[in-house]
Each structure stands twice: as structure tokens, then as C-alpha cells.
Amino acid sequence: MKGKDNVYLTVKVQPRARKPGVEKLETGEYRVRVLAAPSKGEANQEVVERLASHFGLPRSRVQIVRGQTSRIKTILVELKDGNL
């Protein structure tokens, strides 16, 4: 049985986007477009939900570790088999 691997991602967030989604940029970073406005943590919650859905993981395995109030965030993703 393999242990959990942690992966840190740099994510650029685009709040109030017309089309929500996740895309990997050439630089290795991700762009996450969310419908929510950046108030009361709504956009942050949607970022976590979108990334968890994108990688097929439960929300509890994705968390924002840096950049709570910034558009550029560092996200911790906990993986079981090291696959992303």
C-alpha cells in the first residue's frame, strides 16, 4: 500500500468568469475560472471544488495554503498514488 503524496500547484484565479473551468498553462501553472465573486471566501471555495472535480478527488484532499486574498494561490493536493 502506497502512502499519500503531496503536490503543490500554483494557480491563477479568474473570479466572475463567464465560463468556469480549469486549464493547465504552458508554465506548469493552472488557471481556474470561477463564477463566484472574490468576497466572503466564495471564490476560494469554488476554486477548491473545481480543482477537486478536475483531478477526481474529494474536496478534503485539496486546500489553499497560500494566497487566500490573492488571485495567485498555492494549492496543496494530497494524492494516494502520486498520479496527477
PDB file of N, CA and C in Angstrom:
ATOM      1  N   MET A   1       0.840  -1.180   0.000  1.00  0.00           N
ATOM      2  CA  MET A   1       0.000   0.000   0.000  1.00  0.00           C
ATOM      3  C   MET A   1       0.882   1.238   0.000  1.00  0.00           C
ATOM      4  N   LYS A   2       0.657   2.119  -0.943  1.00  0.00           N
ATOM      5  CA  LYS A   2       1.463   3.327  -1.038  1.00  0.00           C
ATOM      6  C   LYS A   2       0.906   4.400  -0.130  1.00  0.00           C
ATOM      7  N   GLY A   3       1.785   5.300   0.325  1.00  0.00           N
ATOM      8  CA  GLY A   3       1.361   6.417   1.155  1.00  0.00           C
ATOM      9  C   GLY A   3       0.880   7.575   0.305  1.00  0.00           C
ATOM     10  N   LYS A   4       0.444   8.632   0.983  1.00  0.00           N
ATOM     11  CA  LYS A   4      -0.034   9.820   0.285  1.00  0.00           C
ATOM     12  C   LYS A   4       1.147  10.656  -0.177  1.00  0.00           C
ATOM     13  N   ASP A   5       1.007  11.243  -1.354  1.00  0.00           N
ATOM     14  CA  ASP A   5       1.989  12.186  -1.864  1.00  0.00           C
ATOM     15  C   ASP A   5       1.326  13.552  -1.907  1.00  0.00           C
ATOM     16  N   ASN A   6       2.091  14.582  -1.571  1.00  0.00           N
ATOM     17  CA  ASN A   6       1.581  15.938  -1.623  1.00  0.00           C
ATOM     18  C   ASN A   6       2.150  16.643  -2.842  1.00  0.00           C
ATOM     19  N   VAL A   7       1.294  17.346  -3.563  1.00  0.00           N
ATOM     20  CA  VAL A   7       1.695  18.123  -4.722  1.00  0.00           C
ATOM     21  C   VAL A   7       1.246  19.556  -4.493  1.00  0.00           C
ATOM     22  N   TYR A   8       2.150  20.489  -4.726  1.00  0.00           N
ATOM     23  CA  TYR A   8       1.808  21.909  -4.607  1.00  0.00           C
ATOM     24  C   TYR A   8       1.665  22.487  -6.004  1.00  0.00           C
ATOM     25  N   LEU A   9       0.546  23.171  -6.237  1.00  0.00           N
ATOM     26  CA  LEU A   9       0.270  23.781  -7.522  1.00  0.00           C
ATOM     27  C   LEU A   9       0.196  25.294  -7.382  1.00  0.00           C
ATOM     28  N   THR A  10       0.681  26.000  -8.386  1.00  0.00           N
ATOM     29  CA  THR A  10       0.477  27.438  -8.457  1.00  0.00           C
ATOM     30  C   THR A  10      -0.732  27.654  -9.347  1.00  0.00           C
ATOM     31  N   VAL A  11      -1.700  28.392  -8.826  1.00  0.00           N
ATOM     32  CA  VAL A  11      -2.969  28.579  -9.512  1.00  0.00           C
ATOM     33  C   VAL A  11      -3.264  30.057  -9.665  1.00  0.00           C
ATOM     34  N   LYS A  12      -3.627  30.447 -10.868  1.00  0.00           N
ATOM     35  CA  LYS A  12      -4.098  31.803 -11.136  1.00  0.00           C
ATOM     36  C   LYS A  12      -5.615  31.746 -11.206  1.00  0.00           C
ATOM     37  N   VAL A  13      -6.281  32.553 -10.395  1.00  0.00           N
ATOM     38  CA  VAL A  13      -7.732  32.518 -10.307  1.00  0.00           C
ATOM     39  C   VAL A  13      -8.334  33.683 -11.074  1.00  0.00           C
ATOM     40  N   GLN A  14      -9.360  33.385 -11.828  1.00  0.00           N
ATOM     41  CA  GLN A  14     -10.104  34.421 -12.536  1.00  0.00           C
ATOM     42  C   GLN A  14     -11.538  34.402 -11.997  1.00  0.00           C
ATOM     43  N   PRO A  15     -11.847  35.296 -11.034  1.00  0.00           N
ATOM     44  CA  PRO A  15     -13.203  35.326 -10.479  1.00  0.00           C
ATOM     45  C   PRO A  15     -14.182  35.979 -11.457  1.00  0.00           C
ATOM     46  N   ARG A  16     -15.454  35.701 -11.238  1.00  0.00           N
ATOM     47  CA  ARG A  16     -16.538  36.248 -12.064  1.00  0.00           C
ATOM     48  C   ARG A  16     -16.356  35.937 -13.548  1.00  0.00           C
ATOM     49  N   ALA A  17     -15.878  34.770 -13.855  1.00  0.00           N
ATOM     50  CA  ALA A  17     -15.657  34.369 -15.247  1.00  0.00           C
ATOM     51  C   ALA A  17     -16.983  33.993 -15.897  1.00  0.00           C
ATOM     52  N   ARG A  18     -17.050  34.166 -17.188  1.00  0.00           N
ATOM     53  CA  ARG A  18     -18.269  33.781 -17.915  1.00  0.00           C
ATOM     54  C   ARG A  18     -18.390  32.268 -18.012  1.00  0.00           C
ATOM     55  N   LYS A  19     -17.259  31.615 -18.284  1.00  0.00           N
ATOM     56  CA  LYS A  19     -17.237  30.154 -18.394  1.00  0.00           C
ATOM     57  C   LYS A  19     -16.300  29.605 -17.331  1.00  0.00           C
ATOM     58  N   PRO A  20     -16.814  28.837 -16.384  1.00  0.00           N
ATOM     59  CA  PRO A  20     -15.930  28.254 -15.371  1.00  0.00           C
ATOM     60  C   PRO A  20     -15.112  27.112 -15.968  1.00  0.00           C
ATOM     61  N   GLY A  21     -13.948  26.865 -15.384  1.00  0.00           N
ATOM     62  CA  GLY A  21     -13.137  25.752 -15.855  1.00  0.00           C
ATOM     63  C   GLY A  21     -11.734  25.770 -15.283  1.00  0.00           C
ATOM     64  N   VAL A  22     -10.995  24.720 -15.588  1.00  0.00           N
ATOM     65  CA  VAL A  22      -9.605  24.546 -15.148  1.00  0.00           C
ATOM     66  C   VAL A  22      -8.776  24.242 -16.384  1.00  0.00           C
ATOM     67  N   GLU A  23      -7.652  24.930 -16.518  1.00  0.00           N
ATOM     68  CA  GLU A  23      -6.748  24.622 -17.619  1.00  0.00           C
ATOM     69  C   GLU A  23      -5.309  24.714 -17.141  1.00  0.00           C
ATOM     70  N   LYS A  24      -4.482  23.832 -17.704  1.00  0.00           N
ATOM     71  CA  LYS A  24      -3.059  23.844 -17.374  1.00  0.00           C
ATOM     72  C   LYS A  24      -2.354  24.744 -18.374  1.00  0.00           C
ATOM     73  N   LEU A  25      -1.558  25.673 -17.865  1.00  0.00           N
ATOM     74  CA  LEU A  25      -0.821  26.602 -18.705  1.00  0.00           C
ATOM     75  C   LEU A  25       0.533  26.005 -19.068  1.00  0.00           C
ATOM     76  N   GLU A  26       1.164  26.556 -20.094  1.00  0.00           N
ATOM     77  CA  GLU A  26       2.472  26.048 -20.542  1.00  0.00           C
ATOM     78  C   GLU A  26       3.540  26.147 -19.465  1.00  0.00           C
ATOM     79  N   THR A  27       3.387  27.097 -18.549  1.00  0.00           N
ATOM     80  CA  THR A  27       4.377  27.299 -17.494  1.00  0.00           C
ATOM     81  C   THR A  27       4.273  26.260 -16.379  1.00  0.00           C
ATOM     82  N   GLY A  28       3.281  25.362 -16.480  1.00  0.00           N
ATOM     83  CA  GLY A  28       3.088  24.366 -15.438  1.00  0.00           C
ATOM     84  C   GLY A  28       2.098  24.815 -14.382  1.00  0.00           C
ATOM     85  N   GLU A  29       1.670  26.068 -14.473  1.00  0.00           N
ATOM     86  CA  GLU A  29       0.672  26.583 -13.550  1.00  0.00           C
ATOM     87  C   GLU A  29      -0.717  26.220 -14.073  1.00  0.00           C
ATOM     88  N   TYR A  30      -1.710  26.452 -13.250  1.00  0.00           N
ATOM     89  CA  TYR A  30      -3.095  26.223 -13.646  1.00  0.00           C
ATOM     90  C   TYR A  30      -3.853  27.534 -13.600  1.00  0.00           C
ATOM     91  N   ARG A  31      -4.825  27.678 -14.489  1.00  0.00           N
ATOM     92  CA  ARG A  31      -5.755  28.802 -14.445  1.00  0.00           C
ATOM     93  C   ARG A  31      -7.113  28.217 -14.096  1.00  0.00           C
ATOM     94  N   VAL A  32      -7.726  28.784 -13.067  1.00  0.00           N
ATOM     95  CA  VAL A  32      -9.048  28.332 -12.654  1.00  0.00           C
ATOM     96  C   VAL A  32     -10.004  29.504 -12.797  1.00  0.00           C
ATOM     97  N   ARG A  33     -11.008  29.312 -13.642  1.00  0.00           N
ATOM     98  CA  ARG A  33     -12.036  30.332 -13.834  1.00  0.00           C
ATOM     99  C   ARG A  33     -13.246  29.933 -13.003  1.00  0.00           C
ATOM    100  N   VAL A  34     -13.710  30.872 -12.158  1.00  0.00           N
ATOM    101  CA  VAL A  34     -14.844  30.601 -11.275  1.00  0.00           C
ATOM    102  C   VAL A  34     -15.935  31.642 -11.493  1.00  0.00           C
ATOM    103  N   LEU A  35     -17.164  31.259 -11.229  1.00  0.00           N
ATOM    104  CA  LEU A  35     -18.298  32.159 -11.372  1.00  0.00           C
ATOM    105  C   LEU A  35     -18.419  33.114 -10.190  1.00  0.00           C
ATOM    106  N   ALA A  36     -18.000  32.680  -9.014  1.00  0.00           N
ATOM    107  CA  ALA A  36     -18.179  33.439  -7.777  1.00  0.00           C
ATOM    108  C   ALA A  36     -17.318  34.699  -7.742  1.00  0.00           C
ATOM    109  N   ALA A  37     -17.817  35.675  -6.995  1.00  0.00           N
ATOM    110  CA  ALA A  37     -17.060  36.907  -6.749  1.00  0.00           C
ATOM    111  C   ALA A  37     -16.069  36.653  -5.616  1.00  0.00           C
ATOM    112  N   PRO A  38     -14.983  37.421  -5.584  1.00  0.00           N
ATOM    113  CA  PRO A  38     -13.982  37.204  -4.526  1.00  0.00           C
ATOM    114  C   PRO A  38     -14.370  37.874  -3.208  1.00  0.00           C
ATOM    115  N   SER A  39     -15.527  37.523  -2.679  1.00  0.00           N
ATOM    116  CA  SER A  39     -15.944  38.078  -1.397  1.00  0.00           C
ATOM    117  C   SER A  39     -16.424  36.952  -0.486  1.00  0.00           C
ATOM    118  N   LYS A  40     -16.144  37.097   0.779  1.00  0.00           N
ATOM    119  CA  LYS A  40     -16.551  36.125   1.801  1.00  0.00           C
ATOM    120  C   LYS A  40     -16.037  34.716   1.522  1.00  0.00           C
ATOM    121  N   GLY A  41     -14.950  34.597   0.780  1.00  0.00           N
ATOM    122  CA  GLY A  41     -14.347  33.292   0.515  1.00  0.00           C
ATOM    123  C   GLY A  41     -15.090  32.434  -0.491  1.00  0.00           C
ATOM    124  N   GLU A  42     -16.085  33.005  -1.158  1.00  0.00           N
ATOM    125  CA  GLU A  42     -16.877  32.222  -2.107  1.00  0.00           C
ATOM    126  C   GLU A  42     -16.034  31.741  -3.284  1.00  0.00           C
ATOM    127  N   ALA A  43     -15.190  32.614  -3.821  1.00  0.00           N
ATOM    128  CA  ALA A  43     -14.342  32.223  -4.948  1.00  0.00           C
ATOM    129  C   ALA A  43     -13.350  31.141  -4.514  1.00  0.00           C
ATOM    130  N   ASN A  44     -12.790  31.264  -3.314  1.00  0.00           N
ATOM    131  CA  ASN A  44     -11.850  30.255  -2.818  1.00  0.00           C
ATOM    132  C   ASN A  44     -12.514  28.892  -2.705  1.00  0.00           C
ATOM    133  N   GLN A  45     -13.745  28.865  -2.210  1.00  0.00           N
ATOM    134  CA  GLN A  45     -14.466  27.594  -2.105  1.00  0.00           C
ATOM    135  C   GLN A  45     -14.684  26.981  -3.481  1.00  0.00           C
ATOM    136  N   GLU A  46     -15.026  27.826  -4.442  1.00  0.00           N
ATOM    137  CA  GLU A  46     -15.259  27.312  -5.788  1.00  0.00           C
ATOM    138  C   GLU A  46     -13.960  26.824  -6.427  1.00  0.00           C
ATOM    139  N   VAL A  47     -12.846  27.491  -6.133  1.00  0.00           N
ATOM    140  CA  VAL A  47     -11.548  27.042  -6.648  1.00  0.00           C
ATOM    141  C   VAL A  47     -11.255  25.625  -6.148  1.00  0.00           C
ATOM    142  N   VAL A  48     -11.439  25.398  -4.863  1.00  0.00           N
ATOM    143  CA  VAL A  48     -11.196  24.080  -4.276  1.00  0.00           C
ATOM    144  C   VAL A  48     -12.125  23.042  -4.911  1.00  0.00           C
ATOM    145  N   GLU A  49     -13.400  23.388  -5.064  1.00  0.00           N
ATOM    146  CA  GLU A  49     -14.355  22.455  -5.659  1.00  0.00           C
ATOM    147  C   GLU A  49     -13.986  22.118  -7.104  1.00  0.00           C
ATOM    148  N   ARG A  50     -13.620  23.116  -7.881  1.00  0.00           N
ATOM    149  CA  ARG A  50     -13.290  22.892  -9.296  1.00  0.00           C
ATOM    150  C   ARG A  50     -12.028  22.038  -9.439  1.00  0.00           C
ATOM    151  N   LEU A  51     -11.002  22.326  -8.629  1.00  0.00           N
ATOM    152  CA  LEU A  51      -9.773  21.535  -8.712  1.00  0.00           C
ATOM    153  C   LEU A  51     -10.008  20.101  -8.261  1.00  0.00           C
ATOM    154  N   ALA A  52     -10.768  19.911  -7.201  1.00  0.00           N
ATOM    155  CA  ALA A  52     -11.069  18.557  -6.724  1.00  0.00           C
ATOM    156  C   ALA A  52     -11.814  17.780  -7.800  1.00  0.00           C
ATOM    157  N   SER A  53     -12.775  18.420  -8.437  1.00  0.00           N
ATOM    158  CA  SER A  53     -13.522  17.772  -9.509  1.00  0.00           C
ATOM    159  C   SER A  53     -12.623  17.471 -10.704  1.00  0.00           C
ATOM    160  N   HIS A  54     -11.766  18.424 -11.048  1.00  0.00           N
ATOM    161  CA  HIS A  54     -10.857  18.261 -12.193  1.00  0.00           C
ATOM    162  C   HIS A  54      -9.934  17.053 -12.013  1.00  0.00           C
ATOM    163  N   PHE A  55      -9.425  16.867 -10.799  1.00  0.00           N
ATOM    164  CA  PHE A  55      -8.493  15.773 -10.527  1.00  0.00           C
ATOM    165  C   PHE A  55      -9.197  14.508 -10.024  1.00  0.00           C
ATOM    166  N   GLY A  56     -10.512  14.555  -9.857  1.00  0.00           N
ATOM    167  CA  GLY A  56     -11.260  13.390  -9.399  1.00  0.00           C
ATOM    168  C   GLY A  56     -10.973  13.026  -7.955  1.00  0.00           C
ATOM    169  N   LEU A  57     -10.846  14.049  -7.121  1.00  0.00           N
ATOM    170  CA  LEU A  57     -10.532  13.846  -5.704  1.00  0.00           C
ATOM    171  C   LEU A  57     -11.631  14.440  -4.833  1.00  0.00           C
ATOM    172  N   PRO A  58     -11.752  13.975  -3.596  1.00  0.00           N
ATOM    173  CA  PRO A  58     -12.680  14.630  -2.671  1.00  0.00           C
ATOM    174  C   PRO A  58     -12.143  16.017  -2.277  1.00  0.00           C
ATOM    175  N   ARG A  59     -13.047  16.926  -1.953  1.00  0.00           N
ATOM    176  CA  ARG A  59     -12.653  18.296  -1.586  1.00  0.00           C
ATOM    177  C   ARG A  59     -11.693  18.327  -0.404  1.00  0.00           C
ATOM    178  N   SER A  60     -11.789  17.347   0.469  1.00  0.00           N
ATOM    179  CA  SER A  60     -10.940  17.328   1.665  1.00  0.00           C
ATOM    180  C   SER A  60      -9.457  17.141   1.325  1.00  0.00           C
ATOM    181  N   ARG A  61      -9.137  16.729   0.093  1.00  0.00           N
ATOM    182  CA  ARG A  61      -7.743  16.498  -0.298  1.00  0.00           C
ATOM    183  C   ARG A  61      -7.143  17.672  -1.055  1.00  0.00           C
ATOM    184  N   VAL A  62      -7.907  18.773  -1.173  1.00  0.00           N
ATOM    185  CA  VAL A  62      -7.430  19.972  -1.870  1.00  0.00           C
ATOM    186  C   VAL A  62      -7.608  21.156  -0.927  1.00  0.00           C
ATOM    187  N   GLN A  63      -6.515  21.906  -0.690  1.00  0.00           N
ATOM    188  CA  GLN A  63      -6.642  23.065   0.183  1.00  0.00           C
ATOM    189  C   GLN A  63      -5.711  24.192  -0.255  1.00  0.00           C
ATOM    190  N   ILE A  64      -6.141  25.403   0.025  1.00  0.00           N
ATOM    191  CA  ILE A  64      -5.339  26.587  -0.282  1.00  0.00           C
ATOM    192  C   ILE A  64      -4.378  26.803   0.877  1.00  0.00           C
ATOM    193  N   VAL A  65      -3.072  26.833   0.587  1.00  0.00           N
ATOM    194  CA  VAL A  65      -2.083  27.012   1.652  1.00  0.00           C
ATOM    195  C   VAL A  65      -1.449  28.397   1.630  1.00  0.00           C
ATOM    196  N   ARG A  66      -1.589  29.111   0.516  1.00  0.00           N
ATOM    197  CA  ARG A  66      -1.031  30.463   0.428  1.00  0.00           C
ATOM    198  C   ARG A  66      -1.858  31.247  -0.589  1.00  0.00           C
ATOM    199  N   GLY A  67      -2.114  32.518  -0.275  1.00  0.00           N
ATOM    200  CA  GLY A  67      -2.797  33.384  -1.219  1.00  0.00           C
ATOM    201  C   GLY A  67      -4.300  33.445  -1.030  1.00  0.00           C
ATOM    202  N   GLN A  68      -4.765  33.362   0.205  1.00  0.00           N
ATOM    203  CA  GLN A  68      -6.200  33.410   0.478  1.00  0.00           C
ATOM    204  C   GLN A  68      -6.874  34.637  -0.130  1.00  0.00           C
ATOM    205  N   THR A  69      -6.179  35.781  -0.137  1.00  0.00           N
ATOM    206  CA  THR A  69      -6.772  37.018  -0.655  1.00  0.00           C
ATOM    207  C   THR A  69      -6.143  37.469  -1.962  1.00  0.00           C
ATOM    208  N   SER A  70      -5.378  36.607  -2.586  1.00  0.00           N
ATOM    209  CA  SER A  70      -4.688  36.938  -3.828  1.00  0.00           C
ATOM    210  C   SER A  70      -5.270  36.123  -4.976  1.00  0.00           C
ATOM    211  N   ARG A  71      -5.071  36.595  -6.195  1.00  0.00           N
ATOM    212  CA  ARG A  71      -5.505  35.824  -7.357  1.00  0.00           C
ATOM    213  C   ARG A  71      -4.526  34.706  -7.684  1.00  0.00           C
ATOM    214  N   ILE A  72      -3.299  34.811  -7.189  1.00  0.00           N
ATOM    215  CA  ILE A  72      -2.316  33.742  -7.379  1.00  0.00           C
ATOM    216  C   ILE A  72      -2.212  32.971  -6.066  1.00  0.00           C
ATOM    217  N   LYS A  73      -2.509  31.692  -6.117  1.00  0.00           N
ATOM    218  CA  LYS A  73      -2.585  30.875  -4.910  1.00  0.00           C
ATOM    219  C   LYS A  73      -1.677  29.655  -5.014  1.00  0.00           C
ATOM    220  N   THR A  74      -1.275  29.158  -3.881  1.00  0.00           N
ATOM    221  CA  THR A  74      -0.575  27.888  -3.804  1.00  0.00           C
ATOM    222  C   THR A  74      -1.567  26.888  -3.231  1.00  0.00           C
ATOM    223  N   ILE A  75      -1.764  25.805  -3.948  1.00  0.00           N
ATOM    224  CA  ILE A  75      -2.754  24.791  -3.577  1.00  0.00           C
ATOM    225  C   ILE A  75      -2.040  23.489  -3.244  1.00  0.00           C
ATOM    226  N   LEU A  76      -2.422  22.887  -2.140  1.00  0.00           N
ATOM    227  CA  LEU A  76      -1.913  21.577  -1.746  1.00  0.00           C
ATOM    228  C   LEU A  76      -2.927  20.524  -2.186  1.00  0.00           C
ATOM    229  N   VAL A  77      -2.438  19.544  -2.958  1.00  0.00           N
ATOM    230  CA  VAL A  77      -3.277  18.435  -3.404  1.00  0.00           C
ATOM    231  C   VAL A  77      -2.672  17.160  -2.834  1.00  0.00           C
ATOM    232  N   GLU A  78      -3.456  16.428  -2.063  1.00  0.00           N
ATOM    233  CA  GLU A  78      -2.998  15.174  -1.476  1.00  0.00           C
ATOM    234  C   GLU A  78      -3.418  14.022  -2.386  1.00  0.00           C
ATOM    235  N   LEU A  79      -2.439  13.285  -2.860  1.00  0.00           N
ATOM    236  CA  LEU A  79      -2.704  12.160  -3.769  1.00  0.00           C
ATOM    237  C   LEU A  79      -2.361  10.857  -3.076  1.00  0.00           C
ATOM    238  N   LYS A  80      -3.010   9.782  -3.474  1.00  0.00           N
ATOM    239  CA  LYS A  80      -2.690   8.477  -2.902  1.00  0.00           C
ATOM    240  C   LYS A  80      -1.574   7.799  -3.663  1.00  0.00           C
ATOM    241  N   ASP A  81      -1.665   7.773  -4.986  1.00  0.00           N
ATOM    242  CA  ASP A  81      -0.698   7.023  -5.781  1.00  0.00           C
ATOM    243  C   ASP A  81       0.306   7.913  -6.501  1.00  0.00           C
ATOM    244  N   GLY A  82       0.307   9.208  -6.183  1.00  0.00           N
ATOM    245  CA  GLY A  82       1.248  10.105  -6.831  1.00  0.00           C
ATOM    246  C   GLY A  82       0.861  10.482  -8.238  1.00  0.00           C
ATOM    247  N   ASN A  83      -0.340  10.154  -8.650  1.00  0.00           N
ATOM    248  CA  ASN A  83      -0.797  10.472 -10.004  1.00  0.00           C
ATOM    249  C   ASN A  83      -1.600  11.764 -10.003  1.00  0.00           C
ATOM    250  N   LEU A  84      -1.252  12.632 -10.961  1.00  0.00           N
ATOM    251  CA  LEU A  84      -1.984  13.891 -11.078  1.00  0.00           C
ATOM    252  C   LEU A  84      -2.427  14.076 -12.513  1.00  0.00           C
TER     253      LEU A  84
END
